[in-house]
Amino acid sequence: MNKPHHYTLLAAGIVAALPELAAAHGGTHLAMAVANLNYSEAYTEKLKGGQALGAELLLLNGHFQFNEHVGIADLSLNTDWKVRINGSLLAEGMLNDAAKKKFSAKNGMATIGLPGGGSLNLTWTQKMINFTLKWKGKPTLAESFKGKTGDISLPQAAIDISIGSLYGYFNVPAQGKAKARMQKGIMLSNVSMKGKAISAGLNTLDRDADTFTADVDCNDFDASVYPGAKEATLDGVDSNCDGRDSGVPEVVDKFANPGMYSSPAINFKNASLPGPGATVYGPLRDFSGYNKSFVVPVGKSSFYDPSTGVNWNDDTFTPAASGQTIWRGWTHTGKWSFFNGNAGDKVTIGLQPDASMAGMAGTHPGFLVFWRPEGSPLTWVGTQDIAAGQTVPGDSDIVPGHILPQHADWTLQGMPAKTDHTAPSGVDPALYPVKNDSYTLYYVDSGYDADKYDPTKKFVMHPTALSALAVTDGVAGSLSKAITLPKTGYYLVYVGNVLEVSDWSVGADGKFTTTGQVWDMPGKGTSVDITVSKP
């Protein structure tokens, strides 16, 4: 997810074309932009019914001037706006929220009601946007002076306003008076303050003193948030200012040519028993409620390296030496299951070869867990190859199998629109986009059994991914790993296997061959027992 570009307007008409601003916004912006802001706030408490009741009236008014980067044509019903005071969000919305609105090539207006009372009035011409905000909510800057009496002042209050791609940083020195009195043993306060904005100065504006100025710092009120900071995955905070809440890369696939994928299909309705040539393999596996186990067939005679396009048995595959023990990486396909979990749940995922495959060599089961911000479970029921021109089932999502080994979030774009894209309560759509034509699954945890790993006898098809996933728990051939769920919602668990073959060689035709135990479906397949438990 790309972070929107913001063009900064500084107060009092003092603007410099700073190198930092140019670097942050992808180019040199030489335009001078002018903005100003007037601030006033009055807070009064009265005694009613034995309780102190307060009345707040905050007024902000000023203007932004358009420039060559942003003009009247950039304003639309989808334009968003936000008002922050000292880093806290006061109010936000879209121009489409307006009860009264007008858009034309020459001018426009929007009158927006605010929750709890008050309004935001915007009018614009081809030159500028004028704004007036009336806030009738909880006290803002005045709150810090409740209970005090005398002259009061704030040397620098931060009031930041954005309208679409225009962003104004205002530092407001405010003065006023406060008066407190006792009535029936209850302290009542009257506070009034006024101020005008001065230039914030992007070359010096670093409100949280983390050495990153406000034009590149996505939260200049939190010293732990800045470009390049360590990202805590799915904690609800974009710590490194890349527009995402994830500590891993994002892999994006575009469903533009269905014939280029051999992809698992996640189906919501159908299920069938495993069988040769079957479109789907089942049955459905739902771990909701935990402490459940399933046997799942995994593996297929197709192994794929996305970095080179090499497939197993492809004559472009060149091994290091005949007879060497190899670790082939992930099977091209595996099986999905799902569960509904709550943030903070501590669960254990256990994997081991099914008893029916106990004599089979090279069984190293693995898993990946993803969280999905939409509301549906995405139950897995099998493998479906999507041929060129084939119609995607209306009740299916398509997941490219070669992405599964990646230690990353992944997004599949260009999918048929679906109706299940509804974010549960509390999900921030800016950090976790919910779009009708694409899906993003967010990486949570993973692992594969690496107890018999021998670094001198390996051939890893996906070295970057596998090195991050290896788990040694002291039991060869099986895996147990505890994870803590970061979010509430649906989780998808992918079960696959890492292949070890001890007797491969290169034939006269130059192709990789083996006479030993390899995985296939269903003739020489392997099954993995998976348990998701909550201790």
Protein backbone atom coordinates (compact mmCIF):
# COMPACT_ATOMS: atom_id res chain seq x y z
CA MET A 1 0.00 0.00 0.00
CA ASN A 2 1.50 3.30 -1.06
CA LYS A 3 1.48 6.28 1.23
CA PRO A 4 -0.40 9.30 -0.24
CA HIS A 5 1.72 12.30 -1.14
CA HIS A 6 0.97 15.42 0.88
CA TYR A 7 1.89 18.87 -0.39
CA THR A 8 2.71 21.03 2.58
CA LEU A 9 1.43 24.53 3.16
CA LEU A 10 3.15 26.55 5.85
CA ALA A 11 1.55 29.28 7.89
CA ALA A 12 2.13 33.02 7.49
CA GLY A 13 3.18 32.75 3.87
CA ILE A 14 6.79 31.85 4.69
CA VAL A 15 7.73 28.81 2.56
CA ALA A 16 11.04 27.49 1.29
CA ALA A 17 11.58 24.74 -1.29
CA LEU A 18 13.41 22.39 1.06
CA PRO A 19 15.49 19.39 -0.09
CA GLU A 20 13.84 17.24 2.59
CA LEU A 21 10.40 18.02 1.22
CA ALA A 22 11.47 17.30 -2.33
CA ALA A 23 12.95 13.95 -1.35
CA ALA A 24 9.90 12.91 0.62
CA HIS A 25 7.47 13.76 -2.15
CA GLY A 26 9.35 12.28 -5.06
CA GLY A 27 10.56 15.41 -6.79
CA THR A 28 11.45 19.08 -6.47
CA HIS A 29 8.44 21.26 -5.72
CA LEU A 30 9.31 24.91 -6.15
CA ALA A 31 5.83 26.36 -5.73
CA MET A 32 5.21 28.78 -2.87
CA ALA A 33 2.07 27.90 -0.96
CA VAL A 34 0.37 30.16 1.58
CA ALA A 35 -1.88 29.24 4.48
CA ASN A 36 -3.07 30.93 7.66
CA LEU A 37 -5.06 29.94 10.72
CA ASN A 38 -6.94 31.78 13.47
CA TYR A 39 -7.76 29.91 16.66
CA SER A 40 -10.14 30.66 19.54
CA GLU A 41 -11.53 28.45 22.27
CA ALA A 42 -14.00 29.03 25.08
CA TYR A 43 -14.87 26.49 27.75
CA THR A 44 -17.46 27.10 30.46
CA GLU A 45 -18.60 24.84 33.29
CA LYS A 46 -21.94 25.16 35.08
CA LEU A 47 -23.45 23.29 37.99
CA LYS A 48 -26.54 21.28 37.09
CA GLY A 49 -28.09 18.48 39.12
CA GLY A 50 -25.14 18.46 41.46
CA GLN A 51 -22.69 17.87 38.62
CA ALA A 52 -20.33 20.10 36.67
CA LEU A 53 -21.37 20.28 33.02
CA GLY A 54 -19.06 21.88 30.48
CA ALA A 55 -19.80 23.66 27.20
CA GLU A 56 -17.07 23.89 24.57
CA LEU A 57 -16.79 26.13 21.51
CA LEU A 58 -13.63 25.86 19.43
CA LEU A 59 -13.27 27.97 16.29
CA LEU A 60 -10.67 27.49 13.56
CA ASN A 61 -10.74 29.57 10.41
CA GLY A 62 -8.27 30.33 7.67
CA HIS A 63 -7.38 29.42 4.10
CA PHE A 64 -5.10 27.36 1.89
CA GLN A 65 -3.92 28.69 -1.46
CA PHE A 66 -3.82 26.29 -4.40
CA ASN A 67 -0.57 25.84 -6.32
CA GLU A 68 0.61 24.04 -9.45
CA HIS A 69 0.54 20.70 -7.64
CA VAL A 70 -2.96 20.85 -6.20
CA GLY A 71 -5.86 22.84 -7.62
CA ILE A 72 -9.62 23.07 -7.67
CA ALA A 73 -9.83 20.11 -10.05
CA ASP A 74 -8.39 17.86 -7.31
CA LEU A 75 -11.39 18.39 -5.04
CA SER A 76 -14.13 15.80 -5.35
CA LEU A 77 -16.71 13.95 -3.27
CA ASN A 78 -13.97 11.47 -2.34
CA THR A 79 -11.59 14.12 -0.97
CA ASP A 80 -10.85 13.43 2.69
CA TRP A 81 -10.04 15.89 5.47
CA LYS A 82 -8.60 15.64 8.98
CA VAL A 83 -8.00 17.99 11.89
CA ARG A 84 -5.42 17.11 14.56
CA ILE A 85 -4.60 19.06 17.70
CA ASN A 86 -1.34 18.23 19.47
CA GLY A 87 -1.24 14.98 17.55
CA SER A 88 -4.70 13.75 18.55
CA LEU A 89 -7.39 13.38 15.92
CA LEU A 90 -10.17 15.91 16.52
CA ALA A 91 -12.37 15.10 13.51
CA GLU A 92 -12.16 13.57 10.05
CA GLY A 93 -14.37 12.74 7.11
CA MET A 94 -14.94 13.21 3.38
CA LEU A 95 -16.42 16.06 1.38
CA ASN A 96 -19.18 13.66 0.42
CA ASP A 97 -20.34 13.79 4.06
CA ALA A 98 -21.60 17.32 3.46
CA ALA A 99 -25.32 17.97 3.84
CA LYS A 100 -24.86 20.89 1.43
CA LYS A 101 -22.26 20.71 -1.32
CA LYS A 102 -21.43 22.18 -4.69
CA PHE A 103 -18.66 21.34 -7.14
CA SER A 104 -17.94 23.26 -10.32
CA ALA A 105 -14.93 24.22 -12.41
CA LYS A 106 -14.88 27.71 -10.88
CA ASN A 107 -15.98 27.33 -7.27
CA GLY A 108 -17.59 25.07 -4.71
CA MET A 109 -18.71 24.58 -1.12
CA ALA A 110 -19.34 21.91 1.48
CA THR A 111 -21.09 22.16 4.85
CA ILE A 112 -20.36 19.14 7.03
CA GLY A 113 -21.95 18.38 10.39
CA LEU A 114 -19.59 17.07 13.10
CA PRO A 115 -20.39 14.37 15.66
CA GLY A 116 -21.42 15.89 18.99
CA GLY A 117 -22.28 19.23 17.42
CA GLY A 118 -20.47 21.79 15.34
CA SER A 119 -19.63 21.97 11.66
CA LEU A 120 -16.91 22.32 9.06
CA ASN A 121 -17.66 24.86 6.33
CA LEU A 122 -15.48 24.89 3.22
CA THR A 123 -15.73 27.25 0.28
CA TRP A 124 -13.30 27.37 -2.60
CA THR A 125 -12.45 29.31 -5.71
CA GLN A 126 -9.84 28.64 -8.34
CA LYS A 127 -7.26 30.28 -6.07
CA MET A 128 -7.88 29.03 -2.54
CA ILE A 129 -9.91 27.06 0.02
CA ASN A 130 -11.49 28.96 2.91
CA PHE A 131 -12.43 26.94 5.98
CA THR A 132 -14.27 27.49 9.26
CA LEU A 133 -14.49 24.75 11.85
CA LYS A 134 -16.84 25.00 14.85
CA TRP A 135 -16.27 22.28 17.44
CA LYS A 136 -18.68 21.53 20.27
CA GLY A 137 -17.07 18.52 21.84
CA LYS A 138 -14.75 17.86 24.72
CA PRO A 139 -12.25 20.59 25.67
CA THR A 140 -9.10 20.56 23.57
CA LEU A 141 -6.28 22.95 24.44
CA ALA A 142 -8.32 24.59 27.21
CA GLU A 143 -8.54 21.31 29.10
CA SER A 144 -5.03 21.69 30.50
CA PHE A 145 -6.07 24.92 32.29
CA LYS A 146 -9.13 23.66 34.13
CA GLY A 147 -9.04 24.57 37.81
CA LYS A 148 -6.60 27.45 37.27
CA THR A 149 -7.06 31.22 37.62
CA GLY A 150 -5.18 34.06 35.90
CA ASP A 151 -3.48 34.78 32.61
CA ILE A 152 -2.58 31.67 30.63
CA SER A 153 -0.52 30.97 27.52
CA LEU A 154 0.61 28.14 25.30
CA PRO A 155 3.95 28.93 23.64
CA GLN A 156 3.31 26.45 20.81
CA ALA A 157 0.19 24.39 20.17
CA ALA A 158 0.21 22.09 17.16
CA ILE A 159 -2.88 22.33 14.95
CA ASP A 160 -2.61 20.41 11.69
CA ILE A 161 -5.28 20.42 8.99
CA SER A 162 -5.38 18.36 5.82
CA ILE A 163 -7.79 18.67 2.91
CA GLY A 164 -7.05 16.07 0.30
CA SER A 165 -3.39 16.42 -0.67
CA LEU A 166 -3.02 19.83 1.02
CA TYR A 167 -1.50 19.61 4.46
CA GLY A 168 -1.00 22.57 6.78
CA TYR A 169 1.35 22.44 9.79
CA PHE A 170 0.45 25.22 12.22
CA ASN A 171 2.27 26.12 15.43
CA VAL A 172 -0.07 28.37 17.39
CA PRO A 173 1.09 30.51 20.33
CA ALA A 174 -2.13 31.07 22.28
CA GLN A 175 -2.98 33.39 25.18
CA GLY A 176 -6.04 33.84 27.34
CA LYS A 177 -7.55 33.85 30.79
CA ALA A 178 -8.72 31.16 33.17
CA LYS A 179 -10.99 31.47 36.19
CA ALA A 180 -11.96 28.80 38.68
CA ARG A 181 -14.58 29.06 41.44
CA MET A 182 -16.13 26.76 44.01
CA GLN A 183 -19.87 26.15 44.07
CA LYS A 184 -21.39 23.69 46.51
CA GLY A 185 -18.02 22.08 46.92
CA ILE A 186 -17.47 21.56 43.21
CA MET A 187 -14.74 23.31 41.20
CA LEU A 188 -16.07 25.09 38.10
CA SER A 189 -13.83 26.55 35.39
CA ASN A 190 -14.03 29.17 32.67
CA VAL A 191 -11.23 29.19 30.09
CA SER A 192 -10.86 31.35 26.98
CA MET A 193 -7.91 31.38 24.56
CA LYS A 194 -6.97 32.90 21.21
CA GLY A 195 -4.06 32.66 18.83
CA LYS A 196 -2.78 32.98 15.27
CA ALA A 197 -0.54 30.54 13.46
CA ILE A 198 3.06 31.18 12.58
CA SER A 199 5.29 29.22 10.25
CA ALA A 200 6.15 25.75 11.52
CA GLY A 201 9.36 25.71 9.45
CA LEU A 202 9.87 22.27 7.96
CA ASN A 203 13.63 22.51 8.23
CA THR A 204 13.35 22.64 12.03
CA LEU A 205 9.93 21.12 12.79
CA ASP A 206 10.54 17.92 14.75
CA ARG A 207 7.89 17.87 17.44
CA ASP A 208 8.86 14.51 18.94
CA ALA A 209 12.65 15.08 18.70
CA ASP A 210 13.31 11.80 16.86
CA THR A 211 15.51 13.61 14.26
CA PHE A 212 12.86 13.24 11.51
CA THR A 213 11.05 16.40 10.45
CA ALA A 214 7.28 16.57 10.08
CA ASP A 215 7.26 16.38 6.28
CA VAL A 216 8.60 12.80 6.37
CA ASP A 217 7.54 11.69 9.86
CA CYS A 218 4.04 10.18 9.65
CA ASN A 219 3.50 10.81 13.37
CA ASP A 220 5.63 13.67 14.58
CA PHE A 221 4.20 13.31 18.09
CA ASP A 222 5.54 9.81 18.74
CA ALA A 223 9.31 9.36 18.89
CA SER A 224 8.98 5.62 18.20
CA VAL A 225 7.41 6.31 14.79
CA TYR A 226 9.65 7.50 11.94
CA PRO A 227 10.90 6.33 8.53
CA GLY A 228 13.02 3.24 8.99
CA ALA A 229 11.80 2.38 12.49
CA LYS A 230 11.36 -1.28 13.40
CA GLU A 231 7.84 -2.37 12.49
CA ALA A 232 5.81 -4.46 14.91
CA THR A 233 3.61 -6.55 12.65
CA LEU A 234 -0.14 -5.97 12.88
CA ASP A 235 -0.07 -3.87 16.06
CA GLY A 236 -2.26 -1.17 14.50
CA VAL A 237 0.62 1.31 14.09
CA ASP A 238 2.53 2.21 10.94
CA SER A 239 5.84 2.54 12.79
CA ASN A 240 8.14 3.00 9.78
CA CYS A 241 5.91 5.36 7.79
CA ASP A 242 5.61 3.14 4.71
CA GLY A 243 1.81 3.17 4.81
CA ARG A 244 1.60 -0.43 6.06
CA ASP A 245 1.40 -2.12 9.44
CA SER A 246 3.68 -5.02 8.68
CA GLY A 247 7.27 -5.98 9.36
CA VAL A 248 7.54 -8.10 6.21
CA PRO A 249 7.50 -7.23 2.50
CA GLU A 250 4.34 -7.18 0.43
CA VAL A 251 4.09 -9.43 -2.63
CA VAL A 252 1.59 -8.25 -5.22
CA ASP A 253 0.15 -10.50 -7.92
CA LYS A 254 -2.14 -9.22 -10.62
CA PHE A 255 -4.85 -11.51 -11.90
CA ALA A 256 -4.53 -10.16 -15.43
CA ASN A 257 -3.84 -13.38 -17.33
CA PRO A 258 -5.37 -16.38 -15.53
CA GLY A 259 -3.41 -18.78 -17.73
CA MET A 260 -0.12 -17.77 -16.12
CA TYR A 261 -1.07 -19.23 -12.73
CA SER A 262 -1.49 -22.74 -11.43
CA SER A 263 -3.36 -21.66 -8.37
CA PRO A 264 -5.24 -23.04 -5.41
CA ALA A 265 -8.88 -21.99 -5.36
CA ILE A 266 -10.40 -21.17 -2.00
CA ASN A 267 -14.06 -22.04 -2.22
CA PHE A 268 -16.82 -21.10 0.19
CA LYS A 269 -19.48 -23.67 -0.67
CA ASN A 270 -18.25 -26.92 -2.19
CA ALA A 271 -16.34 -29.83 -0.74
CA SER A 272 -15.43 -33.30 -1.97
CA LEU A 273 -13.17 -36.14 -0.95
CA PRO A 274 -9.65 -36.28 -2.42
CA GLY A 275 -9.37 -38.06 -5.74
CA PRO A 276 -7.43 -38.04 -9.01
CA GLY A 277 -8.67 -35.39 -11.42
CA ALA A 278 -11.09 -33.88 -8.93
CA THR A 279 -11.59 -30.13 -9.26
CA VAL A 280 -11.53 -29.65 -5.51
CA TYR A 281 -10.17 -31.62 -2.62
CA GLY A 282 -11.77 -31.49 0.80
CA PRO A 283 -13.27 -31.68 3.26
CA LEU A 284 -13.49 -28.25 4.87
CA ARG A 285 -11.21 -27.74 7.86
CA ASP A 286 -12.46 -25.33 10.50
CA PHE A 287 -10.35 -24.95 13.66
CA SER A 288 -12.64 -22.33 15.20
CA GLY A 289 -12.95 -23.11 18.90
CA TYR A 290 -9.48 -24.74 18.77
CA ASN A 291 -8.33 -28.14 20.05
CA LYS A 292 -9.19 -29.82 16.75
CA SER A 293 -7.11 -32.03 14.47
CA PHE A 294 -7.30 -32.88 10.76
CA VAL A 295 -5.40 -35.07 8.34
CA VAL A 296 -4.54 -33.14 5.18
CA PRO A 297 -2.97 -34.44 1.94
CA VAL A 298 -0.20 -32.11 0.77
CA GLY A 299 2.25 -32.00 -2.08
CA LYS A 300 2.12 -32.26 -5.84
CA SER A 301 4.58 -33.29 -8.53
CA SER A 302 5.09 -29.64 -9.40
CA PHE A 303 7.81 -27.67 -7.59
CA TYR A 304 8.39 -24.09 -8.58
CA ASP A 305 11.07 -21.45 -8.10
CA PRO A 306 9.51 -17.99 -8.67
CA SER A 307 12.93 -16.31 -8.90
CA THR A 308 13.99 -18.37 -11.94
CA GLY A 309 10.79 -19.94 -13.26
CA VAL A 310 12.35 -23.40 -12.85
CA ASN A 311 10.00 -26.35 -12.25
CA TRP A 312 10.87 -29.77 -10.86
CA ASN A 313 12.02 -32.12 -13.66
CA ASP A 314 12.67 -29.12 -15.88
CA ASP A 315 15.84 -29.55 -17.96
CA THR A 316 16.98 -26.05 -16.93
CA PHE A 317 17.51 -27.35 -13.38
CA THR A 318 21.22 -27.92 -12.73
CA PRO A 319 22.10 -29.69 -9.45
CA ALA A 320 25.38 -29.29 -7.62
CA ALA A 321 26.40 -32.98 -7.78
CA SER A 322 24.75 -36.31 -8.50
CA GLY A 323 23.70 -38.26 -5.43
CA GLN A 324 23.76 -35.32 -3.04
CA THR A 325 20.95 -35.16 -0.49
CA ILE A 326 18.74 -32.22 -1.37
CA TRP A 327 16.11 -30.10 0.31
CA ARG A 328 13.75 -29.12 -2.44
CA GLY A 329 11.88 -26.34 -0.71
CA TRP A 330 8.11 -26.06 -0.57
CA THR A 331 5.72 -28.16 -2.52
CA HIS A 332 3.90 -26.11 -5.09
CA THR A 333 0.55 -26.68 -3.47
CA GLY A 334 -0.71 -27.55 -0.03
CA LYS A 335 -3.95 -27.31 1.90
CA TRP A 336 -5.75 -24.50 3.66
CA SER A 337 -7.69 -24.48 6.88
CA PHE A 338 -9.05 -21.59 8.90
CA PHE A 339 -10.20 -20.45 12.31
CA ASN A 340 -11.73 -17.43 13.93
CA GLY A 341 -9.49 -16.05 16.65
CA ASN A 342 -9.30 -13.17 19.10
CA ALA A 343 -6.41 -10.77 19.58
CA GLY A 344 -4.16 -12.07 22.34
CA ASP A 345 -5.16 -15.73 21.96
CA LYS A 346 -2.15 -18.00 22.50
CA VAL A 347 -2.44 -21.04 20.24
CA THR A 348 -0.15 -23.92 19.35
CA ILE A 349 0.11 -25.35 15.85
CA GLY A 350 1.33 -28.93 15.74
CA LEU A 351 2.31 -30.79 12.55
CA GLN A 352 3.52 -34.34 11.99
CA PRO A 353 3.41 -36.95 9.19
CA ASP A 354 0.26 -39.03 9.25
CA ALA A 355 0.74 -42.55 10.60
CA SER A 356 0.00 -44.02 7.18
CA MET A 357 3.15 -42.31 5.86
CA ALA A 358 5.44 -43.19 8.78
CA GLY A 359 7.86 -45.10 6.58
CA MET A 360 8.29 -42.31 4.07
CA ALA A 361 11.62 -40.48 4.12
CA GLY A 362 12.07 -36.74 4.00
CA THR A 363 8.88 -35.57 5.67
CA HIS A 364 9.37 -32.04 6.98
CA PRO A 365 5.91 -30.44 7.37
CA GLY A 366 5.49 -26.70 7.50
CA PHE A 367 2.82 -24.03 7.84
CA LEU A 368 2.09 -20.36 7.27
CA VAL A 369 -0.56 -18.37 9.14
CA PHE A 370 -2.18 -15.28 7.65
CA TRP A 371 -4.78 -12.88 9.01
CA ARG A 372 -7.45 -11.55 6.70
CA PRO A 373 -9.03 -8.12 7.42
CA GLU A 374 -12.27 -9.01 5.63
CA GLY A 375 -15.09 -10.79 7.39
CA SER A 376 -15.21 -14.16 5.63
CA PRO A 377 -13.28 -17.32 6.56
CA LEU A 378 -11.95 -18.24 3.09
CA THR A 379 -12.25 -21.98 3.66
CA TRP A 380 -9.91 -24.06 1.56
CA VAL A 381 -11.28 -27.02 -0.37
CA GLY A 382 -8.65 -27.92 -2.87
CA THR A 383 -6.54 -27.28 -5.92
CA GLN A 384 -7.84 -25.87 -9.16
CA ASP A 385 -5.69 -24.98 -12.14
CA ILE A 386 -6.95 -21.81 -13.79
CA ALA A 387 -6.51 -22.16 -17.52
CA ALA A 388 -6.44 -19.26 -19.95
CA GLY A 389 -9.97 -18.04 -20.58
CA GLN A 390 -11.44 -20.09 -17.74
CA THR A 391 -14.15 -18.43 -15.69
CA VAL A 392 -13.26 -17.90 -12.05
CA PRO A 393 -15.94 -19.45 -9.81
CA GLY A 394 -18.12 -16.76 -8.34
CA ASP A 395 -17.74 -18.12 -4.81
CA SER A 396 -13.96 -18.58 -4.92
CA ASP A 397 -10.84 -16.61 -4.21
CA ILE A 398 -7.69 -17.42 -6.18
CA VAL A 399 -4.36 -17.74 -4.42
CA PRO A 400 -1.20 -18.21 -6.53
CA GLY A 401 0.57 -21.24 -5.13
CA HIS A 402 4.10 -20.02 -5.83
CA ILE A 403 3.62 -17.09 -3.46
CA LEU A 404 3.01 -19.34 -0.47
CA PRO A 405 6.68 -19.90 0.43
CA GLN A 406 7.28 -16.21 0.78
CA HIS A 407 7.87 -14.66 4.17
CA ALA A 408 5.58 -11.77 3.24
CA ASP A 409 2.10 -10.35 3.07
CA TRP A 410 0.57 -10.91 -0.30
CA THR A 411 -2.06 -9.13 -2.31
CA LEU A 412 -3.83 -10.47 -5.36
CA GLN A 413 -5.23 -7.68 -7.52
CA GLY A 414 -7.70 -7.65 -10.38
CA MET A 415 -10.04 -10.29 -8.97
CA PRO A 416 -13.77 -10.36 -9.74
CA ALA A 417 -15.61 -8.10 -7.30
CA LYS A 418 -16.99 -9.89 -4.26
CA THR A 419 -19.51 -8.93 -1.61
CA ASP A 420 -17.68 -10.32 1.42
CA HIS A 421 -15.19 -7.45 1.64
CA THR A 422 -16.43 -6.04 4.94
CA ALA A 423 -13.91 -5.08 7.58
CA PRO A 424 -14.76 -6.06 11.15
CA SER A 425 -15.08 -3.35 13.78
CA GLY A 426 -11.80 -1.73 14.75
CA VAL A 427 -9.90 -2.46 11.53
CA ASP A 428 -8.19 0.65 10.16
CA PRO A 429 -8.88 0.69 6.39
CA ALA A 430 -5.82 2.87 5.82
CA LEU A 431 -3.49 0.17 7.18
CA TYR A 432 -5.56 -2.83 6.07
CA PRO A 433 -7.28 -1.93 2.77
CA VAL A 434 -10.52 -3.76 1.99
CA LYS A 435 -11.16 -3.62 -1.74
CA ASN A 436 -13.76 -5.40 -3.84
CA ASP A 437 -11.33 -6.40 -6.58
CA SER A 438 -8.34 -7.53 -4.54
CA TYR A 439 -7.36 -9.51 -1.47
CA THR A 440 -4.54 -9.00 1.00
CA LEU A 441 -3.55 -11.68 3.48
CA TYR A 442 -1.26 -10.45 6.25
CA TYR A 443 1.61 -12.66 7.39
CA VAL A 444 1.47 -13.67 11.07
CA ASP A 445 3.82 -16.63 11.64
CA SER A 446 5.27 -19.72 9.99
CA GLY A 447 7.66 -22.61 10.36
CA TYR A 448 8.86 -25.91 8.95
CA ASP A 449 10.54 -28.79 10.72
CA ALA A 450 14.29 -28.51 10.28
CA ASP A 451 15.59 -30.92 12.92
CA LYS A 452 17.61 -33.08 10.48
CA TYR A 453 18.89 -30.10 8.54
CA ASP A 454 22.41 -30.64 7.24
CA PRO A 455 23.89 -27.47 5.72
CA THR A 456 26.42 -29.52 3.75
CA LYS A 457 23.68 -31.58 2.08
CA LYS A 458 21.00 -29.24 0.93
CA PHE A 459 19.46 -27.76 -2.12
CA VAL A 460 17.02 -25.06 -1.07
CA MET A 461 14.76 -23.81 -3.79
CA HIS A 462 13.64 -20.79 -1.76
CA PRO A 463 16.60 -19.98 0.48
CA THR A 464 15.39 -16.57 1.63
CA ALA A 465 11.98 -17.80 2.66
CA LEU A 466 13.10 -21.10 4.16
CA SER A 467 15.91 -19.65 6.26
CA ALA A 468 13.35 -17.46 8.00
CA LEU A 469 10.90 -20.33 8.55
CA ALA A 470 13.16 -23.08 9.94
CA VAL A 471 12.17 -24.40 13.38
CA THR A 472 14.11 -26.89 15.47
CA ASP A 473 12.09 -28.33 18.33
CA GLY A 474 14.11 -31.49 18.95
CA VAL A 475 11.74 -33.92 17.23
CA ALA A 476 12.74 -34.87 13.70
CA GLY A 477 9.88 -34.96 11.20
CA SER A 478 7.33 -33.03 13.26
CA LEU A 479 6.81 -29.45 14.36
CA SER A 480 5.15 -27.63 17.24
CA LYS A 481 5.09 -23.85 17.50
CA ALA A 482 3.20 -21.46 19.79
CA ILE A 483 1.97 -18.14 18.41
CA THR A 484 0.02 -15.20 19.82
CA LEU A 485 -2.71 -13.81 17.58
CA PRO A 486 -2.30 -10.08 16.92
CA LYS A 487 -5.83 -9.29 15.71
CA THR A 488 -9.41 -10.46 16.03
CA GLY A 489 -10.82 -12.07 12.90
CA TYR A 490 -10.28 -14.95 10.50
CA TYR A 491 -6.93 -16.70 10.19
CA LEU A 492 -5.84 -18.93 7.34
CA VAL A 493 -3.40 -21.78 7.96
CA TYR A 494 -1.53 -23.17 4.97
CA VAL A 495 -0.02 -26.65 5.43
CA GLY A 496 2.74 -27.84 3.13
CA ASN A 497 5.97 -29.81 3.25
CA VAL A 498 9.70 -29.44 2.70
CA LEU A 499 11.05 -32.24 0.54
CA GLU A 500 14.18 -34.29 1.19
CA VAL A 501 15.24 -36.79 -1.47
CA SER A 502 18.35 -38.94 -0.97
CA ASP A 503 18.84 -40.61 -4.35
CA TRP A 504 18.48 -38.17 -7.20
CA SER A 505 20.63 -37.90 -10.29
CA VAL A 506 20.80 -36.28 -13.71
CA GLY A 507 19.74 -38.39 -16.66
CA ALA A 508 21.23 -38.47 -20.15
CA ASP A 509 18.67 -35.92 -21.23
CA GLY A 510 19.94 -33.52 -18.56
CA LYS A 511 16.81 -33.70 -16.48
CA PHE A 512 16.55 -34.21 -12.74
CA THR A 513 15.35 -37.74 -11.91
CA THR A 514 14.83 -39.79 -8.76
CA THR A 515 13.84 -43.35 -7.94
CA GLY A 516 13.30 -42.70 -4.26
CA GLN A 517 10.39 -41.42 -2.25
CA VAL A 518 8.97 -38.22 -3.70
CA TRP A 519 5.68 -36.49 -3.11
CA ASP A 520 2.80 -36.59 -5.49
CA MET A 521 -0.96 -36.42 -5.29
CA PRO A 522 -2.43 -38.91 -4.74
CA GLY A 523 -0.20 -41.80 -5.84
CA LYS A 524 2.93 -41.00 -3.84
CA GLY A 525 1.46 -38.29 -1.66
CA THR A 526 2.03 -37.61 1.98
CA SER A 527 -0.48 -36.54 4.59
CA VAL A 528 0.16 -34.23 7.51
CA ASP A 529 -1.71 -34.30 10.81
CA ILE A 530 -2.37 -30.74 11.97
CA THR A 531 -3.71 -29.65 15.35
CA VAL A 532 -4.54 -26.10 16.39
CA SER A 533 -4.92 -25.99 20.16
CA LYS A 534 -5.36 -23.37 22.83
CA PRO A 535 -3.56 -24.47 26.01
